Amino acid sequence: MILGLSSTDLALIVMIILGGVTPFFYFRGERINISKMKAFSKELQEKLNPKDQLYKMLGTLVGFEAVFELKRDHLNKAEAVLILLPRHSVIYYPFSKLTSKSDKFIFKAMYNENLRISPSAIERKKKFCENSKIILINGIKYHACGKDANKLLELISGIDRRMNLVRISYKDKLLFLEFFTNKEEVVKVAIDIMNKAKEMYLPYT
């Protein structure tokens, strides 16, 4: 018993507080996440100028998957995944903040022929890599593997630390990029890397 209140009284007070906070939390989080999804979608469409596109929503207000048909400049298609923290949920948001910590943007570029890059990866957490070596990028430790990891490093040279690159890898005509950020500027960064890879490492160059 606290201050003469029974456990039932305390539970009722907590429910009243949550009842007042939840709508504010929901609408504020909804506004932020919808704004982010619109901003990312606009950037992707403007920067890629696709022939066709298909979007699929992820759950409720937590992002989307998108496929863009390009069919030009040695590029078949691109895929993007935006995963946002559940800012609209007063219950799940604190847990997501503790586990995921950040919003996530994934970008995949599919070329119509193999780049002159053998299967290689640079990643913050060791998932793809075996027999990796430790390198520093912007003072942050990464695992690098594959004999052409230096080419991937060249592709991300000069990348802004705020973009929070988590992984870049290449295998079988697929360039994979993952970032922990909700800054829509990362779309341009990802597309610039995609084009840089094409210009530097297509066989005809």
C-alpha atoms as a PDB file:
ATOM      1  CA  MET A   1       0.000   0.000   0.000  1.00  0.00           C
ATOM      2  CA  ILE A   2       1.389   3.406  -1.027  1.00  0.00           C
ATOM      3  CA  LEU A   3       0.089   6.644   0.528  1.00  0.00           C
ATOM      4  CA  GLY A   4      -2.948   4.773   1.760  1.00  0.00           C
ATOM      5  CA  LEU A   5      -3.824   3.512  -1.718  1.00  0.00           C
ATOM      6  CA  SER A   6      -4.640  -0.114  -2.342  1.00  0.00           C
ATOM      7  CA  SER A   7      -3.238  -2.070  -5.279  1.00  0.00           C
ATOM      8  CA  THR A   8      -6.648  -1.764  -6.945  1.00  0.00           C
ATOM      9  CA  ASP A   9      -6.546   2.016  -6.573  1.00  0.00           C
ATOM     10  CA  LEU A  10      -3.036   2.158  -8.030  1.00  0.00           C
ATOM     11  CA  ALA A  11      -4.029  -0.020 -10.983  1.00  0.00           C
ATOM     12  CA  LEU A  12      -6.987   2.278 -11.651  1.00  0.00           C
ATOM     13  CA  ILE A  13      -4.766   5.372 -11.540  1.00  0.00           C
ATOM     14  CA  VAL A  14      -2.286   3.782 -13.975  1.00  0.00           C
ATOM     15  CA  MET A  15      -5.150   2.889 -16.339  1.00  0.00           C
ATOM     16  CA  ILE A  16      -6.474   6.455 -16.224  1.00  0.00           C
ATOM     17  CA  ILE A  17      -3.023   7.886 -16.959  1.00  0.00           C
ATOM     18  CA  LEU A  18      -2.485   5.459 -19.845  1.00  0.00           C
ATOM     19  CA  GLY A  19      -5.938   6.241 -21.160  1.00  0.00           C
ATOM     20  CA  GLY A  20      -5.038   9.924 -21.310  1.00  0.00           C
ATOM     21  CA  VAL A  21      -1.555   9.467 -22.751  1.00  0.00           C
ATOM     22  CA  THR A  22      -2.294   6.783 -25.356  1.00  0.00           C
ATOM     23  CA  PRO A  23      -4.314   8.914 -27.844  1.00  0.00           C
ATOM     24  CA  PHE A  24      -1.711  11.713 -27.787  1.00  0.00           C
ATOM     25  CA  PHE A  25       1.102   9.197 -28.222  1.00  0.00           C
ATOM     26  CA  TYR A  26      -0.720   7.433 -31.059  1.00  0.00           C
ATOM     27  CA  PHE A  27      -1.553  10.496 -33.145  1.00  0.00           C
ATOM     28  CA  ARG A  28       1.882  12.039 -32.656  1.00  0.00           C
ATOM     29  CA  GLY A  29       3.625   8.795 -33.661  1.00  0.00           C
ATOM     30  CA  GLU A  30       1.230   8.295 -36.569  1.00  0.00           C
ATOM     31  CA  ARG A  31       2.010  11.774 -37.890  1.00  0.00           C
ATOM     32  CA  ILE A  32       5.774  11.243 -37.661  1.00  0.00           C
ATOM     33  CA  ASN A  33       5.789   7.815 -39.324  1.00  0.00           C
ATOM     34  CA  ILE A  34       3.415   8.792 -42.141  1.00  0.00           C
ATOM     35  CA  SER A  35       5.556  11.852 -42.806  1.00  0.00           C
ATOM     36  CA  LYS A  36       8.667   9.668 -42.994  1.00  0.00           C
ATOM     37  CA  MET A  37       7.041   7.165 -45.351  1.00  0.00           C
ATOM     38  CA  LYS A  38       5.871   9.940 -47.675  1.00  0.00           C
ATOM     39  CA  ALA A  39       9.302  11.584 -47.688  1.00  0.00           C
ATOM     40  CA  PHE A  40      11.112   8.332 -48.482  1.00  0.00           C
ATOM     41  CA  SER A  41       8.596   7.388 -51.172  1.00  0.00           C
ATOM     42  CA  LYS A  42       8.939  10.785 -52.840  1.00  0.00           C
ATOM     43  CA  GLU A  43      12.746  10.596 -52.793  1.00  0.00           C
ATOM     44  CA  LEU A  44      12.776   7.076 -54.244  1.00  0.00           C
ATOM     45  CA  GLN A  45      10.422   7.958 -57.085  1.00  0.00           C
ATOM     46  CA  GLU A  46      12.213  11.185 -57.953  1.00  0.00           C
ATOM     47  CA  LYS A  47      15.720   9.726 -57.811  1.00  0.00           C
ATOM     48  CA  LEU A  48      14.950   6.398 -59.536  1.00  0.00           C
ATOM     49  CA  ASN A  49      12.310   7.546 -62.034  1.00  0.00           C
ATOM     50  CA  PRO A  50      11.113   3.937 -62.417  1.00  0.00           C
ATOM     51  CA  LYS A  51       9.163   2.467 -65.330  1.00  0.00           C
ATOM     52  CA  ASP A  52       6.876   0.795 -62.800  1.00  0.00           C
ATOM     53  CA  GLN A  53       6.647   0.428 -59.034  1.00  0.00           C
ATOM     54  CA  LEU A  54       4.871  -1.672 -56.447  1.00  0.00           C
ATOM     55  CA  TYR A  55       4.479  -0.829 -52.756  1.00  0.00           C
ATOM     56  CA  LYS A  56       3.513  -3.112 -49.889  1.00  0.00           C
ATOM     57  CA  MET A  57       2.799  -1.721 -46.443  1.00  0.00           C
ATOM     58  CA  LEU A  58       4.479  -3.340 -43.438  1.00  0.00           C
ATOM     59  CA  GLY A  59       1.989  -3.779 -40.641  1.00  0.00           C
ATOM     60  CA  THR A  60       0.389  -0.584 -39.373  1.00  0.00           C
ATOM     61  CA  LEU A  61       2.395   2.604 -39.790  1.00  0.00           C
ATOM     62  CA  VAL A  62       5.800   0.901 -39.558  1.00  0.00           C
ATOM     63  CA  GLY A  63       7.080   1.172 -43.111  1.00  0.00           C
ATOM     64  CA  PHE A  64       6.901  -0.361 -46.556  1.00  0.00           C
ATOM     65  CA  GLU A  65       8.545  -2.623 -49.098  1.00  0.00           C
ATOM     66  CA  ALA A  66       8.854  -1.269 -52.643  1.00  0.00           C
ATOM     67  CA  VAL A  67       9.992  -2.764 -55.939  1.00  0.00           C
ATOM     68  CA  PHE A  68      11.015  -0.464 -58.790  1.00  0.00           C
ATOM     69  CA  GLU A  69      11.309  -1.697 -62.371  1.00  0.00           C
ATOM     70  CA  LEU A  70      14.154   0.177 -64.066  1.00  0.00           C
ATOM     71  CA  LYS A  71      15.203  -1.788 -67.176  1.00  0.00           C
ATOM     72  CA  ARG A  72      17.866   0.713 -68.182  1.00  0.00           C
ATOM     73  CA  ASP A  73      21.532   1.568 -67.743  1.00  0.00           C
ATOM     74  CA  HIS A  74      22.460  -2.041 -66.904  1.00  0.00           C
ATOM     75  CA  LEU A  75      19.979  -2.032 -64.022  1.00  0.00           C
ATOM     76  CA  ASN A  76      16.991  -4.382 -63.927  1.00  0.00           C
ATOM     77  CA  LYS A  77      15.306  -3.247 -60.746  1.00  0.00           C
ATOM     78  CA  ALA A  78      15.778  -1.813 -57.286  1.00  0.00           C
ATOM     79  CA  GLU A  79      14.108  -2.725 -54.022  1.00  0.00           C
ATOM     80  CA  ALA A  80      13.720  -0.610 -50.911  1.00  0.00           C
ATOM     81  CA  VAL A  81      12.540  -1.481 -47.425  1.00  0.00           C
ATOM     82  CA  LEU A  82      11.764   1.156 -44.790  1.00  0.00           C
ATOM     83  CA  ILE A  83      11.225  -0.150 -41.254  1.00  0.00           C
ATOM     84  CA  LEU A  84      10.173   2.464 -38.706  1.00  0.00           C
ATOM     85  CA  LEU A  85       9.918   2.189 -34.948  1.00  0.00           C
ATOM     86  CA  PRO A  86       6.287   1.907 -33.740  1.00  0.00           C
ATOM     87  CA  ARG A  87       6.104   5.486 -32.509  1.00  0.00           C
ATOM     88  CA  HIS A  88       2.304   5.275 -32.369  1.00  0.00           C
ATOM     89  CA  SER A  89       2.309   2.546 -29.714  1.00  0.00           C
ATOM     90  CA  VAL A  90       2.854   3.628 -26.128  1.00  0.00           C
ATOM     91  CA  ILE A  91       3.401  -0.022 -25.205  1.00  0.00           C
ATOM     92  CA  TYR A  92       5.678  -1.320 -27.991  1.00  0.00           C
ATOM     93  CA  TYR A  93       7.719   1.793 -28.754  1.00  0.00           C
ATOM     94  CA  PRO A  94       9.880   1.708 -25.575  1.00  0.00           C
ATOM     95  CA  PHE A  95      10.732  -1.970 -26.174  1.00  0.00           C
ATOM     96  CA  SER A  96      11.502  -1.354 -29.855  1.00  0.00           C
ATOM     97  CA  LYS A  97      13.713   1.556 -28.898  1.00  0.00           C
ATOM     98  CA  LEU A  98      15.680  -0.723 -26.581  1.00  0.00           C
ATOM     99  CA  THR A  99      16.047  -3.579 -29.086  1.00  0.00           C
ATOM    100  CA  SER A 100      16.108  -2.002 -32.552  1.00  0.00           C
ATOM    101  CA  LYS A 101      17.216   1.458 -31.359  1.00  0.00           C
ATOM    102  CA  SER A 102      16.710   3.020 -34.776  1.00  0.00           C
ATOM    103  CA  ASP A 103      14.680   3.072 -37.950  1.00  0.00           C
ATOM    104  CA  LYS A 104      16.120   1.034 -40.799  1.00  0.00           C
ATOM    105  CA  PHE A 105      16.474   1.563 -44.550  1.00  0.00           C
ATOM    106  CA  ILE A 106      17.498  -1.289 -46.859  1.00  0.00           C
ATOM    107  CA  PHE A 107      18.267  -0.808 -50.544  1.00  0.00           C
ATOM    108  CA  LYS A 108      18.988  -3.484 -53.142  1.00  0.00           C
ATOM    109  CA  ALA A 109      20.155  -2.918 -56.712  1.00  0.00           C
ATOM    110  CA  MET A 110      19.906  -5.724 -59.280  1.00  0.00           C
ATOM    111  CA  TYR A 111      22.182  -5.377 -62.335  1.00  0.00           C
ATOM    112  CA  ASN A 112      21.703  -7.207 -65.624  1.00  0.00           C
ATOM    113  CA  GLU A 113      25.276  -8.480 -65.584  1.00  0.00           C
ATOM    114  CA  ASN A 114      27.859  -9.215 -62.934  1.00  0.00           C
ATOM    115  CA  LEU A 115      30.028  -6.405 -61.682  1.00  0.00           C
ATOM    116  CA  ARG A 116      33.731  -7.017 -61.411  1.00  0.00           C
ATOM    117  CA  ILE A 117      33.296  -7.605 -57.682  1.00  0.00           C
ATOM    118  CA  SER A 118      33.551 -11.078 -56.207  1.00  0.00           C
ATOM    119  CA  PRO A 119      31.215 -11.978 -53.290  1.00  0.00           C
ATOM    120  CA  SER A 120      32.286  -9.597 -50.523  1.00  0.00           C
ATOM    121  CA  ALA A 121      30.823  -7.710 -47.595  1.00  0.00           C
ATOM    122  CA  ILE A 122      31.494  -4.978 -45.074  1.00  0.00           C
ATOM    123  CA  GLU A 123      29.172  -5.075 -42.066  1.00  0.00           C
ATOM    124  CA  ARG A 124      28.832  -3.729 -38.547  1.00  0.00           C
ATOM    125  CA  LYS A 125      27.703  -7.024 -37.056  1.00  0.00           C
ATOM    126  CA  LYS A 126      29.188 -10.276 -38.261  1.00  0.00           C
ATOM    127  CA  LYS A 127      26.338 -11.963 -40.173  1.00  0.00           C
ATOM    128  CA  PHE A 128      27.523 -12.695 -43.710  1.00  0.00           C
ATOM    129  CA  CYS A 129      31.262 -12.597 -43.144  1.00  0.00           C
ATOM    130  CA  GLU A 130      33.547 -15.520 -42.444  1.00  0.00           C
ATOM    131  CA  ASN A 131      37.268 -15.142 -41.883  1.00  0.00           C
ATOM    132  CA  SER A 132      36.709 -11.415 -41.621  1.00  0.00           C
ATOM    133  CA  LYS A 133      39.158  -8.693 -40.778  1.00  0.00           C
ATOM    134  CA  ILE A 134      38.403  -5.637 -38.665  1.00  0.00           C
ATOM    135  CA  ILE A 135      38.464  -2.240 -40.360  1.00  0.00           C
ATOM    136  CA  LEU A 136      37.511   1.242 -39.189  1.00  0.00           C
ATOM    137  CA  ILE A 137      35.134   3.492 -41.118  1.00  0.00           C
ATOM    138  CA  ASN A 138      34.555   6.954 -39.650  1.00  0.00           C
ATOM    139  CA  GLY A 139      36.038   5.609 -36.424  1.00  0.00           C
ATOM    140  CA  ILE A 140      33.504   2.754 -36.245  1.00  0.00           C
ATOM    141  CA  LYS A 141      34.516  -0.918 -36.261  1.00  0.00           C
ATOM    142  CA  TYR A 142      33.331  -3.103 -39.158  1.00  0.00           C
ATOM    143  CA  HIS A 143      33.902  -6.662 -40.310  1.00  0.00           C
ATOM    144  CA  ALA A 144      35.176  -6.985 -43.885  1.00  0.00           C
ATOM    145  CA  CYS A 145      35.340 -10.211 -45.879  1.00  0.00           C
ATOM    146  CA  GLY A 146      35.825 -11.351 -49.460  1.00  0.00           C
ATOM    147  CA  LYS A 147      38.778 -10.587 -51.675  1.00  0.00           C
ATOM    148  CA  ASP A 148      37.042  -7.509 -53.126  1.00  0.00           C
ATOM    149  CA  ALA A 149      36.039  -5.870 -49.841  1.00  0.00           C
ATOM    150  CA  ASN A 150      38.406  -3.055 -50.821  1.00  0.00           C
ATOM    151  CA  LYS A 151      36.152  -2.320 -53.818  1.00  0.00           C
ATOM    152  CA  LEU A 152      33.136  -2.035 -51.536  1.00  0.00           C
ATOM    153  CA  LEU A 153      35.143   0.252 -49.312  1.00  0.00           C
ATOM    154  CA  GLU A 154      35.870   2.410 -52.346  1.00  0.00           C
ATOM    155  CA  LEU A 155      32.152   2.627 -53.115  1.00  0.00           C
ATOM    156  CA  ILE A 156      31.320   4.025 -49.669  1.00  0.00           C
ATOM    157  CA  SER A 157      34.340   6.303 -49.477  1.00  0.00           C
ATOM    158  CA  GLY A 158      33.343   9.681 -48.065  1.00  0.00           C
ATOM    159  CA  ILE A 159      29.925   8.559 -46.828  1.00  0.00           C
ATOM    160  CA  ASP A 160      28.489  10.757 -44.097  1.00  0.00           C
ATOM    161  CA  ARG A 161      28.688   9.134 -40.672  1.00  0.00           C
ATOM    162  CA  ARG A 162      25.135  10.312 -39.954  1.00  0.00           C
ATOM    163  CA  MET A 163      23.839   7.845 -42.566  1.00  0.00           C
ATOM    164  CA  ASN A 164      24.873   5.094 -40.138  1.00  0.00           C
ATOM    165  CA  LEU A 165      25.800   2.408 -42.675  1.00  0.00           C
ATOM    166  CA  VAL A 166      25.284  -1.071 -41.243  1.00  0.00           C
ATOM    167  CA  ARG A 167      26.172  -3.248 -44.212  1.00  0.00           C
ATOM    168  CA  ILE A 168      27.206  -3.244 -47.857  1.00  0.00           C
ATOM    169  CA  SER A 169      27.622  -6.483 -49.772  1.00  0.00           C
ATOM    170  CA  TYR A 170      27.717  -7.753 -53.332  1.00  0.00           C
ATOM    171  CA  LYS A 171      26.946 -11.190 -54.762  1.00  0.00           C
ATOM    172  CA  ASP A 172      25.409 -12.513 -57.992  1.00  0.00           C
ATOM    173  CA  LYS A 173      24.473  -9.163 -59.586  1.00  0.00           C
ATOM    174  CA  LEU A 174      22.965  -7.909 -56.308  1.00  0.00           C
ATOM    175  CA  LEU A 175      24.277  -4.908 -54.373  1.00  0.00           C
ATOM    176  CA  PHE A 176      22.869  -4.761 -50.840  1.00  0.00           C
ATOM    177  CA  LEU A 177      22.916  -1.694 -48.568  1.00  0.00           C
ATOM    178  CA  GLU A 178      21.557  -1.343 -45.046  1.00  0.00           C
ATOM    179  CA  PHE A 179      21.413   1.805 -42.940  1.00  0.00           C
ATOM    180  CA  PHE A 180      20.143   2.608 -39.435  1.00  0.00           C
ATOM    181  CA  THR A 181      18.573   5.979 -40.112  1.00  0.00           C
ATOM    182  CA  ASN A 182      15.288   7.720 -40.887  1.00  0.00           C
ATOM    183  CA  LYS A 183      16.897  10.568 -42.826  1.00  0.00           C
ATOM    184  CA  GLU A 184      15.465  10.554 -46.348  1.00  0.00           C
ATOM    185  CA  GLU A 185      18.805  11.875 -47.627  1.00  0.00           C
ATOM    186  CA  VAL A 186      19.998   8.276 -47.363  1.00  0.00           C
ATOM    187  CA  VAL A 187      18.009   7.494 -50.527  1.00  0.00           C
ATOM    188  CA  LYS A 188      20.328   9.683 -52.599  1.00  0.00           C
ATOM    189  CA  VAL A 189      23.353   8.149 -50.860  1.00  0.00           C
ATOM    190  CA  ALA A 190      22.181   4.625 -51.720  1.00  0.00           C
ATOM    191  CA  ILE A 191      21.415   5.487 -55.354  1.00  0.00           C
ATOM    192  CA  ASP A 192      24.742   7.272 -55.750  1.00  0.00           C
ATOM    193  CA  ILE A 193      26.504   4.117 -54.505  1.00  0.00           C
ATOM    194  CA  MET A 194      24.443   2.004 -56.924  1.00  0.00           C
ATOM    195  CA  ASN A 195      25.475   4.199 -59.866  1.00  0.00           C
ATOM    196  CA  LYS A 196      29.066   4.421 -58.722  1.00  0.00           C
ATOM    197  CA  ALA A 197      29.288   0.619 -58.639  1.00  0.00           C
ATOM    198  CA  LYS A 198      27.915   0.433 -62.170  1.00  0.00           C
ATOM    199  CA  GLU A 199      30.306   3.048 -63.515  1.00  0.00           C
ATOM    200  CA  MET A 200      33.395   1.604 -61.829  1.00  0.00           C
ATOM    201  CA  TYR A 201      32.903  -2.146 -61.985  1.00  0.00           C
ATOM    202  CA  LEU A 202      30.803  -3.144 -64.967  1.00  0.00           C
ATOM    203  CA  PRO A 203      32.868  -5.384 -67.314  1.00  0.00           C
ATOM    204  CA  TYR A 204      32.812  -2.922 -70.201  1.00  0.00           C
ATOM    205  CA  THR A 205      34.676  -0.227 -68.250  1.00  0.00           C
END
